[in-house]
Amino acid sequence: MIDRLGRIGIVGVVVVIAGLALTALVNPLVAGGIALVLVGTALIVRGVVGYALEAMGMSGMV
């Protein structure tokens, strides 16, 4: 999975985790809500990408 992300993707993941950790230090309840939003967004993006690939005939890619 790491090879699919590339350098920019890895930096993005680190920044998101660092921001979530900083928020958790201040208010754990808010950090939990942000984590749920991030997971939900990731699931939506995965679904949209899967649908787009399926529409182009590449359903086995994701």
PDB file of N, CA and C in Angstrom:
ATOM      1  N   MET A   1       0.819  -1.190   0.000  1.00  0.00           N
ATOM      2  CA  MET A   1       0.000   0.000   0.000  1.00  0.00           C
ATOM      3  C   MET A   1       0.861   1.252   0.000  1.00  0.00           C
ATOM      4  N   ILE A   2       1.979   1.209   0.707  1.00  0.00           N
ATOM      5  CA  ILE A   2       2.835   2.390   0.792  1.00  0.00           C
ATOM      6  C   ILE A   2       3.378   2.761  -0.583  1.00  0.00           C
ATOM      7  N   ASP A   3       3.693   1.768  -1.408  1.00  0.00           N
ATOM      8  CA  ASP A   3       4.213   2.069  -2.733  1.00  0.00           C
ATOM      9  C   ASP A   3       3.162   2.714  -3.630  1.00  0.00           C
ATOM     10  N   ARG A   4       1.890   2.497  -3.355  1.00  0.00           N
ATOM     11  CA  ARG A   4       0.817   3.135  -4.129  1.00  0.00           C
ATOM     12  C   ARG A   4       0.646   4.611  -3.771  1.00  0.00           C
ATOM     13  N   LEU A   5       0.932   4.970  -2.529  1.00  0.00           N
ATOM     14  CA  LEU A   5       0.723   6.347  -2.086  1.00  0.00           C
ATOM     15  C   LEU A   5       1.756   7.312  -2.654  1.00  0.00           C
ATOM     16  N   GLY A   6       2.990   6.913  -2.680  1.00  0.00           N
ATOM     17  CA  GLY A   6       4.051   7.816  -3.097  1.00  0.00           C
ATOM     18  C   GLY A   6       4.453   8.728  -1.945  1.00  0.00           C
ATOM     19  N   ARG A   7       5.408   9.569  -2.202  1.00  0.00           N
ATOM     20  CA  ARG A   7       5.920  10.454  -1.148  1.00  0.00           C
ATOM     21  C   ARG A   7       4.866  11.447  -0.653  1.00  0.00           C
ATOM     22  N   ILE A   8       4.167  12.057  -1.572  1.00  0.00           N
ATOM     23  CA  ILE A   8       3.164  13.062  -1.198  1.00  0.00           C
ATOM     24  C   ILE A   8       2.041  12.420  -0.394  1.00  0.00           C
ATOM     25  N   GLY A   9       1.628  11.240  -0.778  1.00  0.00           N
ATOM     26  CA  GLY A   9       0.578  10.540  -0.043  1.00  0.00           C
ATOM     27  C   GLY A   9       0.997  10.184   1.369  1.00  0.00           C
ATOM     28  N   ILE A  10       2.241   9.753   1.517  1.00  0.00           N
ATOM     29  CA  ILE A  10       2.747   9.400   2.853  1.00  0.00           C
ATOM     30  C   ILE A  10       2.819  10.641   3.724  1.00  0.00           C
ATOM     31  N   VAL A  11       3.289  11.753   3.157  1.00  0.00           N
ATOM     32  CA  VAL A  11       3.333  13.014   3.909  1.00  0.00           C
ATOM     33  C   VAL A  11       1.918  13.438   4.300  1.00  0.00           C
ATOM     34  N   GLY A  12       0.968  13.257   3.407  1.00  0.00           N
ATOM     35  CA  GLY A  12      -0.420  13.594   3.713  1.00  0.00           C
ATOM     36  C   GLY A  12      -0.976  12.772   4.858  1.00  0.00           C
ATOM     37  N   VAL A  13      -0.691  11.479   4.865  1.00  0.00           N
ATOM     38  CA  VAL A  13      -1.158  10.612   5.949  1.00  0.00           C
ATOM     39  C   VAL A  13      -0.525  11.027   7.272  1.00  0.00           C
ATOM     40  N   VAL A  14       0.765  11.335   7.249  1.00  0.00           N
ATOM     41  CA  VAL A  14       1.452  11.767   8.473  1.00  0.00           C
ATOM     42  C   VAL A  14       0.863  13.068   8.995  1.00  0.00           C
ATOM     43  N   VAL A  15       0.566  14.004   8.101  1.00  0.00           N
ATOM     44  CA  VAL A  15      -0.021  15.284   8.527  1.00  0.00           C
ATOM     45  C   VAL A  15      -1.403  15.072   9.128  1.00  0.00           C
ATOM     46  N   VAL A  16      -2.207  14.215   8.520  1.00  0.00           N
ATOM     47  CA  VAL A  16      -3.544  13.941   9.056  1.00  0.00           C
ATOM     48  C   VAL A  16      -3.451  13.308  10.436  1.00  0.00           C
ATOM     49  N   ILE A  17      -2.562  12.337  10.600  1.00  0.00           N
ATOM     50  CA  ILE A  17      -2.414  11.675  11.900  1.00  0.00           C
ATOM     51  C   ILE A  17      -1.884  12.650  12.945  1.00  0.00           C
ATOM     52  N   ALA A  18      -0.944  13.507  12.558  1.00  0.00           N
ATOM     53  CA  ALA A  18      -0.410  14.491  13.499  1.00  0.00           C
ATOM     54  C   ALA A  18      -1.496  15.486  13.924  1.00  0.00           C
ATOM     55  N   GLY A  19      -2.311  15.924  12.988  1.00  0.00           N
ATOM     56  CA  GLY A  19      -3.402  16.839  13.317  1.00  0.00           C
ATOM     57  C   GLY A  19      -4.425  16.186  14.227  1.00  0.00           C
ATOM     58  N   LEU A  20      -4.728  14.935  13.969  1.00  0.00           N
ATOM     59  CA  LEU A  20      -5.673  14.206  14.807  1.00  0.00           C
ATOM     60  C   LEU A  20      -5.109  14.003  16.215  1.00  0.00           C
ATOM     61  N   ALA A  21      -3.814  13.712  16.310  1.00  0.00           N
ATOM     62  CA  ALA A  21      -3.174  13.545  17.617  1.00  0.00           C
ATOM     63  C   ALA A  21      -3.168  14.861  18.395  1.00  0.00           C
ATOM     64  N   LEU A  22      -2.890  15.953  17.716  1.00  0.00           N
ATOM     65  CA  LEU A  22      -2.904  17.263  18.374  1.00  0.00           C
ATOM     66  C   LEU A  22      -4.300  17.609  18.876  1.00  0.00           C
ATOM     67  N   THR A  23      -5.306  17.312  18.074  1.00  0.00           N
ATOM     68  CA  THR A  23      -6.682  17.548  18.494  1.00  0.00           C
ATOM     69  C   THR A  23      -7.048  16.660  19.675  1.00  0.00           C
ATOM     70  N   ALA A  24      -6.574  15.423  19.673  1.00  0.00           N
ATOM     71  CA  ALA A  24      -6.871  14.492  20.762  1.00  0.00           C
ATOM     72  C   ALA A  24      -6.257  14.949  22.075  1.00  0.00           C
ATOM     73  N   LEU A  25      -5.117  15.628  21.995  1.00  0.00           N
ATOM     74  CA  LEU A  25      -4.510  16.163  23.217  1.00  0.00           C
ATOM     75  C   LEU A  25      -5.389  17.231  23.850  1.00  0.00           C
ATOM     76  N   VAL A  26      -6.025  18.029  23.016  1.00  0.00           N
ATOM     77  CA  VAL A  26      -6.862  19.118  23.519  1.00  0.00           C
ATOM     78  C   VAL A  26      -8.244  18.611  23.917  1.00  0.00           C
ATOM     79  N   ASN A  27      -8.889  17.836  23.019  1.00  0.00           N
ATOM     80  CA  ASN A  27     -10.243  17.374  23.283  1.00  0.00           C
ATOM     81  C   ASN A  27     -10.456  16.014  22.603  1.00  0.00           C
ATOM     82  N   PRO A  28     -10.404  14.919  23.361  1.00  0.00           N
ATOM     83  CA  PRO A  28     -10.540  13.585  22.757  1.00  0.00           C
ATOM     84  C   PRO A  28     -11.881  13.344  22.072  1.00  0.00           C
ATOM     85  N   LEU A  29     -12.950  13.937  22.562  1.00  0.00           N
ATOM     86  CA  LEU A  29     -14.260  13.732  21.953  1.00  0.00           C
ATOM     87  C   LEU A  29     -14.307  14.339  20.551  1.00  0.00           C
ATOM     88  N   VAL A  30     -13.764  15.517  20.392  1.00  0.00           N
ATOM     89  CA  VAL A  30     -13.715  16.159  19.076  1.00  0.00           C
ATOM     90  C   VAL A  30     -12.816  15.346  18.138  1.00  0.00           C
ATOM     91  N   ALA A  31     -11.701  14.837  18.656  1.00  0.00           N
ATOM     92  CA  ALA A  31     -10.803  14.030  17.840  1.00  0.00           C
ATOM     93  C   ALA A  31     -11.507  12.767  17.348  1.00  0.00           C
ATOM     94  N   GLY A  32     -12.325  12.166  18.185  1.00  0.00           N
ATOM     95  CA  GLY A  32     -13.092  10.997  17.759  1.00  0.00           C
ATOM     96  C   GLY A  32     -14.054  11.326  16.632  1.00  0.00           C
ATOM     97  N   GLY A  33     -14.703  12.467  16.739  1.00  0.00           N
ATOM     98  CA  GLY A  33     -15.610  12.904  15.675  1.00  0.00           C
ATOM     99  C   GLY A  33     -14.879  13.163  14.376  1.00  0.00           C
ATOM    100  N   ILE A  34     -13.731  13.802  14.458  1.00  0.00           N
ATOM    101  CA  ILE A  34     -12.934  14.061  13.256  1.00  0.00           C
ATOM    102  C   ILE A  34     -12.476  12.749  12.639  1.00  0.00           C
ATOM    103  N   ALA A  35     -12.082  11.792  13.465  1.00  0.00           N
ATOM    104  CA  ALA A  35     -11.646  10.486  12.949  1.00  0.00           C
ATOM    105  C   ALA A  35     -12.787   9.791  12.206  1.00  0.00           C
ATOM    106  N   LEU A  36     -13.995   9.866  12.749  1.00  0.00           N
ATOM    107  CA  LEU A  36     -15.140   9.266  12.069  1.00  0.00           C
ATOM    108  C   LEU A  36     -15.415   9.950  10.729  1.00  0.00           C
ATOM    109  N   VAL A  37     -15.286  11.253  10.690  1.00  0.00           N
ATOM    110  CA  VAL A  37     -15.482  11.987   9.436  1.00  0.00           C
ATOM    111  C   VAL A  37     -14.432  11.577   8.408  1.00  0.00           C
ATOM    112  N   LEU A  38     -13.177  11.438   8.844  1.00  0.00           N
ATOM    113  CA  LEU A  38     -12.113  11.031   7.919  1.00  0.00           C
ATOM    114  C   LEU A  38     -12.340   9.629   7.370  1.00  0.00           C
ATOM    115  N   VAL A  39     -12.751   8.704   8.227  1.00  0.00           N
ATOM    116  CA  VAL A  39     -13.019   7.337   7.778  1.00  0.00           C
ATOM    117  C   VAL A  39     -14.208   7.325   6.814  1.00  0.00           C
ATOM    118  N   GLY A  40     -15.241   8.066   7.130  1.00  0.00           N
ATOM    119  CA  GLY A  40     -16.404   8.143   6.242  1.00  0.00           C
ATOM    120  C   GLY A  40     -16.046   8.726   4.889  1.00  0.00           C
ATOM    121  N   THR A  41     -15.235   9.759   4.891  1.00  0.00           N
ATOM    122  CA  THR A  41     -14.801  10.371   3.632  1.00  0.00           C
ATOM    123  C   THR A  41     -13.977   9.387   2.809  1.00  0.00           C
ATOM    124  N   ALA A  42     -13.095   8.651   3.466  1.00  0.00           N
ATOM    125  CA  ALA A  42     -12.285   7.658   2.756  1.00  0.00           C
ATOM    126  C   ALA A  42     -13.163   6.577   2.132  1.00  0.00           C
ATOM    127  N   LEU A  43     -14.194   6.146   2.845  1.00  0.00           N
ATOM    128  CA  LEU A  43     -15.097   5.127   2.303  1.00  0.00           C
ATOM    129  C   LEU A  43     -15.885   5.661   1.107  1.00  0.00           C
ATOM    130  N   ILE A  44     -16.302   6.909   1.175  1.00  0.00           N
ATOM    131  CA  ILE A  44     -17.029   7.520   0.056  1.00  0.00           C
ATOM    132  C   ILE A  44     -16.124   7.615  -1.169  1.00  0.00           C
ATOM    133  N   VAL A  45     -14.894   8.070  -0.963  1.00  0.00           N
ATOM    134  CA  VAL A  45     -13.951   8.203  -2.078  1.00  0.00           C
ATOM    135  C   VAL A  45     -13.666   6.844  -2.702  1.00  0.00           C
ATOM    136  N   ARG A  46     -13.486   5.832  -1.851  1.00  0.00           N
ATOM    137  CA  ARG A  46     -13.228   4.481  -2.378  1.00  0.00           C
ATOM    138  C   ARG A  46     -14.419   3.991  -3.198  1.00  0.00           C
ATOM    139  N   GLY A  47     -15.619   4.263  -2.730  1.00  0.00           N
ATOM    140  CA  GLY A  47     -16.808   3.862  -3.474  1.00  0.00           C
ATOM    141  C   GLY A  47     -16.929   4.568  -4.815  1.00  0.00           C
ATOM    142  N   VAL A  48     -16.645   5.863  -4.833  1.00  0.00           N
ATOM    143  CA  VAL A  48     -16.734   6.634  -6.078  1.00  0.00           C
ATOM    144  C   VAL A  48     -15.673   6.167  -7.075  1.00  0.00           C
ATOM    145  N   VAL A  49     -14.456   5.946  -6.589  1.00  0.00           N
ATOM    146  CA  VAL A  49     -13.389   5.473  -7.473  1.00  0.00           C
ATOM    147  C   VAL A  49     -13.732   4.080  -8.003  1.00  0.00           C
ATOM    148  N   GLY A  50     -14.242   3.220  -7.139  1.00  0.00           N
ATOM    149  CA  GLY A  50     -14.638   1.882  -7.582  1.00  0.00           C
ATOM    150  C   GLY A  50     -15.728   1.924  -8.636  1.00  0.00           C
ATOM    151  N   TYR A  51     -16.708   2.802  -8.439  1.00  0.00           N
ATOM    152  CA  TYR A  51     -17.792   2.948  -9.410  1.00  0.00           C
ATOM    153  C   TYR A  51     -17.258   3.491 -10.733  1.00  0.00           C
ATOM    154  N   ALA A  52     -16.363   4.469 -10.666  1.00  0.00           N
ATOM    155  CA  ALA A  52     -15.807   5.053 -11.881  1.00  0.00           C
ATOM    156  C   ALA A  52     -14.995   4.020 -12.658  1.00  0.00           C
ATOM    157  N   LEU A  53     -14.196   3.223 -11.938  1.00  0.00           N
ATOM    158  CA  LEU A  53     -13.412   2.188 -12.621  1.00  0.00           C
ATOM    159  C   LEU A  53     -14.311   1.115 -13.213  1.00  0.00           C
ATOM    160  N   GLU A  54     -15.366   0.777 -12.484  1.00  0.00           N
ATOM    161  CA  GLU A  54     -16.306  -0.221 -13.005  1.00  0.00           C
ATOM    162  C   GLU A  54     -17.005   0.298 -14.264  1.00  0.00           C
ATOM    163  N   ALA A  55     -17.331   1.582 -14.291  1.00  0.00           N
ATOM    164  CA  ALA A  55     -17.989   2.166 -15.453  1.00  0.00           C
ATOM    165  C   ALA A  55     -17.062   2.158 -16.665  1.00  0.00           C
ATOM    166  N   MET A  56     -15.751   2.206 -16.439  1.00  0.00           N
ATOM    167  CA  MET A  56     -14.795   2.173 -17.545  1.00  0.00           C
ATOM    168  C   MET A  56     -14.345   0.751 -17.877  1.00  0.00           C
ATOM    169  N   GLY A  57     -14.918  -0.246 -17.200  1.00  0.00           N
ATOM    170  CA  GLY A  57     -14.600  -1.623 -17.489  1.00  0.00           C
ATOM    171  C   GLY A  57     -13.382  -2.161 -16.764  1.00  0.00           C
ATOM    172  N   MET A  58     -12.945  -1.476 -15.703  1.00  0.00           N
ATOM    173  CA  MET A  58     -11.772  -1.920 -14.943  1.00  0.00           C
ATOM    174  C   MET A  58     -12.167  -2.254 -13.511  1.00  0.00           C
ATOM    175  N   SER A  59     -13.189  -3.072 -13.349  1.00  0.00           N
ATOM    176  CA  SER A  59     -13.735  -3.332 -12.015  1.00  0.00           C
ATOM    177  C   SER A  59     -12.789  -4.091 -11.100  1.00  0.00           C
ATOM    178  N   GLY A  60     -11.819  -4.801 -11.610  1.00  0.00           N
ATOM    179  CA  GLY A  60     -10.909  -5.575 -10.783  1.00  0.00           C
ATOM    180  C   GLY A  60      -9.756  -4.762 -10.224  1.00  0.00           C
ATOM    181  N   MET A  61      -9.693  -3.472 -10.510  1.00  0.00           N
ATOM    182  CA  MET A  61      -8.552  -2.655 -10.108  1.00  0.00           C
ATOM    183  C   MET A  61      -8.576  -2.286  -8.628  1.00  0.00           C
ATOM    184  N   VAL A  62      -9.762  -2.139  -8.035  1.00  0.00           N
ATOM    185  CA  VAL A  62      -9.850  -1.698  -6.639  1.00  0.00           C
ATOM    186  C   VAL A  62     -10.262  -2.841  -5.782  1.00  0.00           C
TER     187      VAL A  62
END
